[in-house]
Structure formats: structure tokens, C-alpha cells
């Protein structure tokens, strides 16, 4: 009885000098590299997203603090900035205008506002132009 050998999966499989193939482990390093690359991309997206969120929060807080500083004083501006998640860095006043700088994380934002005082008459009363105070006039 003749026993035949099973066909082996050999490179070339042309006789006894054939070399076995060993390429089954080449997928593992490829997957490892892909995992590292995907992790780096995810880290970058999270970092950039955090910076963009800080910038938006800083802009909103600066706007609100500038309006509060124009209508009130620096203490009001600091409270409004804190309520909006920012720290008040600086308030610069020049006449009717005020410029406020706030900081959120490592992001700073500036905003300007102007104090506008309008007189709203009681219902039924007519206001003449001479009765409206001008900029710099004392308001009773």
C-alpha cells in the first residue's frame, strides 16, 4: 500500500527544498501602528476642540463683562466674567468706552462697550430734545 504525503503549503512547493511561508505575524505590527495613529488623531481632535470651546466661552464672557463694566464698575465686570466661566484680567476705561480682557484657560479675549444713557419718559409724557441729557451731562 502506497501512502502519499499530504500537499503542504510551502513556498514554491516544488520538491524537498521548499521553504515554509511565515507571513502570519505581519498584521500585528500594522494594527499596532494604526492604533497609535488613531490615538494621536483622537488626541489632536480633543485638544483642538477644547481650545475652540475655550475661545467661544472667552468671547461670550468678554462681551458680557464689557457691558457690565460700561453700565457699572469693575466689580460688576469681574462678577459677570466669573459667572460666565472666565477670569477678568484687565479693564481699561476711556471716556464712554470700556475695554475688557478676560481669560479662560490659556485663551484671552477682549471686548469693548460704550456706556449709553437713554432717558425713557413715563407713559403719557412727551420729552423735548432739550430734556434729554447729552454725553458727559450729569444725570439727576
Protein backbone atom coordinates (compact mmCIF):
# COMPACT_ATOMS: atom_id res chain seq x y z
CA UNK A 1 0.00 0.00 0.00
CA UNK A 2 1.37 3.33 -1.03
CA UNK A 3 1.00 6.19 1.42
CA UNK A 4 1.06 9.59 -0.13
CA UNK A 5 2.09 12.71 1.66
CA UNK A 6 -0.45 15.49 2.05
CA UNK A 7 0.34 18.54 0.00
CA UNK A 8 1.97 21.12 2.20
CA UNK A 9 1.61 24.85 1.91
CA UNK A 10 5.19 25.61 1.07
CA UNK A 11 6.70 28.50 -0.83
CA UNK A 12 7.09 27.26 -4.35
CA UNK A 13 6.12 23.72 -3.20
CA UNK A 14 8.40 22.21 -5.80
CA UNK A 15 10.14 19.48 -4.07
CA UNK A 16 12.01 18.89 -0.84
CA UNK A 17 13.99 22.17 -0.91
CA UNK A 18 10.87 24.30 -0.43
CA UNK A 19 10.88 26.87 2.41
CA UNK A 20 7.78 27.23 4.60
CA UNK A 21 6.00 30.64 4.47
CA UNK A 22 5.83 32.68 7.64
CA UNK A 23 3.83 35.80 6.97
CA UNK A 24 1.05 35.31 9.51
CA UNK A 25 2.53 37.76 12.07
CA UNK A 26 2.78 40.77 9.78
CA UNK A 27 -0.72 42.00 10.64
CA UNK A 28 0.07 42.61 14.32
CA UNK A 29 2.62 45.44 13.76
CA UNK A 30 0.30 47.02 11.19
CA UNK A 31 -2.60 47.05 13.66
CA UNK A 32 -0.31 48.43 16.38
CA UNK A 33 0.75 51.31 14.13
CA UNK A 34 -2.86 52.02 13.19
CA UNK A 35 -3.87 52.12 16.87
CA UNK A 36 -1.10 54.62 17.64
CA UNK A 37 -2.08 56.81 14.66
CA UNK A 38 -5.76 56.76 15.61
CA UNK A 39 -4.88 57.66 19.20
CA UNK A 40 -2.82 60.62 18.02
CA UNK A 41 -5.66 61.83 15.80
CA UNK A 42 -8.16 61.50 18.66
CA UNK A 43 -5.85 63.42 20.99
CA UNK A 44 -5.50 66.19 18.41
CA UNK A 45 -9.23 66.45 17.88
CA UNK A 46 -9.90 66.66 21.62
CA UNK A 47 -7.18 69.29 22.11
CA UNK A 48 -8.36 71.47 19.23
CA UNK A 49 -11.97 71.10 20.35
CA UNK A 50 -11.06 72.23 23.87
CA UNK A 51 -9.24 75.30 22.54
CA UNK A 52 -12.21 76.22 20.34
CA UNK A 53 -14.63 75.86 23.25
CA UNK A 54 -12.39 78.00 25.49
CA UNK A 55 -12.22 80.66 22.78
CA UNK A 56 -16.02 80.78 22.43
CA UNK A 57 -16.54 80.94 26.20
CA UNK A 58 -13.91 83.69 26.49
CA UNK A 59 -15.58 85.78 23.77
CA UNK A 60 -19.01 85.49 25.39
CA UNK A 61 -17.63 86.30 28.82
CA UNK A 62 -15.70 89.29 27.47
CA UNK A 63 -18.82 90.69 25.79
CA UNK A 64 -20.90 90.32 28.93
CA UNK A 65 -18.17 91.73 31.18
CA UNK A 66 -17.67 94.73 28.89
CA UNK A 67 -21.37 95.52 29.00
CA UNK A 68 -21.36 95.16 32.80
CA UNK A 69 -18.29 97.40 33.10
CA UNK A 70 -19.87 100.04 30.84
CA UNK A 71 -23.07 100.04 32.88
CA UNK A 72 -21.43 99.68 36.29
CA UNK A 73 -17.96 99.30 37.72
CA UNK A 74 -15.05 96.84 37.63
CA UNK A 75 -16.53 94.70 40.41
CA UNK A 76 -19.65 94.11 38.33
CA UNK A 77 -17.50 93.16 35.35
CA UNK A 78 -15.48 90.68 37.45
CA UNK A 79 -18.66 89.05 38.78
CA UNK A 80 -20.16 88.72 35.30
CA UNK A 81 -16.89 87.28 33.93
CA UNK A 82 -16.77 84.70 36.74
CA UNK A 83 -20.42 83.81 36.19
CA UNK A 84 -19.56 83.11 32.53
CA UNK A 85 -16.58 80.89 33.38
CA UNK A 86 -13.78 83.42 32.86
CA UNK A 87 -11.33 85.46 34.91
CA UNK A 88 -11.21 89.23 34.48
CA UNK A 89 -7.69 90.25 33.50
CA UNK A 90 -7.95 93.95 32.75
CA UNK A 91 -10.42 96.83 32.42
CA UNK A 92 -9.40 99.97 30.53
CA UNK A 93 -11.70 102.98 30.60
CA UNK A 94 -11.55 105.85 28.16
CA UNK A 95 -14.42 108.32 28.24
CA UNK A 96 -17.65 106.48 27.46
CA UNK A 97 -15.83 103.38 26.23
CA UNK A 98 -14.52 100.47 28.21
CA UNK A 99 -12.29 97.61 27.02
CA UNK A 100 -12.31 94.37 28.98
CA UNK A 101 -9.87 91.45 28.75
CA UNK A 102 -10.84 88.06 30.16
CA UNK A 103 -9.09 84.70 30.29
CA UNK A 104 -10.41 81.15 30.02
CA UNK A 105 -7.70 78.54 30.39
CA UNK A 106 -4.87 79.81 28.19
CA UNK A 107 -7.19 81.78 25.90
CA UNK A 108 -7.76 85.51 26.25
CA UNK A 109 -10.50 87.59 24.65
CA UNK A 110 -11.13 91.33 24.52
CA UNK A 111 -14.37 93.22 24.08
CA UNK A 112 -15.38 96.86 24.02
CA UNK A 113 -18.58 98.52 25.07
CA UNK A 114 -19.83 102.07 25.28
CA UNK A 115 -21.98 103.46 28.03
CA UNK A 116 -25.19 104.77 26.53
CA UNK A 117 -27.59 106.54 28.77
CA UNK A 118 -31.09 106.94 27.43
CA UNK A 119 -33.98 108.62 29.07
CA UNK A 120 -37.23 106.73 28.87
CA UNK A 121 -40.13 109.01 29.72
CA UNK A 122 -43.01 107.78 31.81
CA UNK A 123 -46.08 106.74 29.81
CA UNK A 124 -48.02 109.72 28.50
CA UNK A 125 -45.21 112.26 28.97
CA UNK A 126 -43.61 113.93 25.95
CA UNK A 127 -39.87 114.55 26.04
CA UNK A 128 -38.41 117.51 24.21
CA UNK A 129 -34.88 117.26 22.80
CA UNK A 130 -33.56 119.78 25.34
CA UNK A 131 -34.72 117.49 28.17
CA UNK A 132 -32.52 114.60 27.02
CA UNK A 133 -29.08 114.75 28.67
CA UNK A 134 -26.05 114.74 26.41
CA UNK A 135 -22.93 112.66 26.88
CA UNK A 136 -21.00 113.98 29.87
CA UNK A 137 -24.03 115.70 31.45
CA UNK A 138 -24.88 114.76 34.99
CA UNK A 139 -27.97 112.62 35.27
CA UNK A 140 -30.18 113.59 38.24
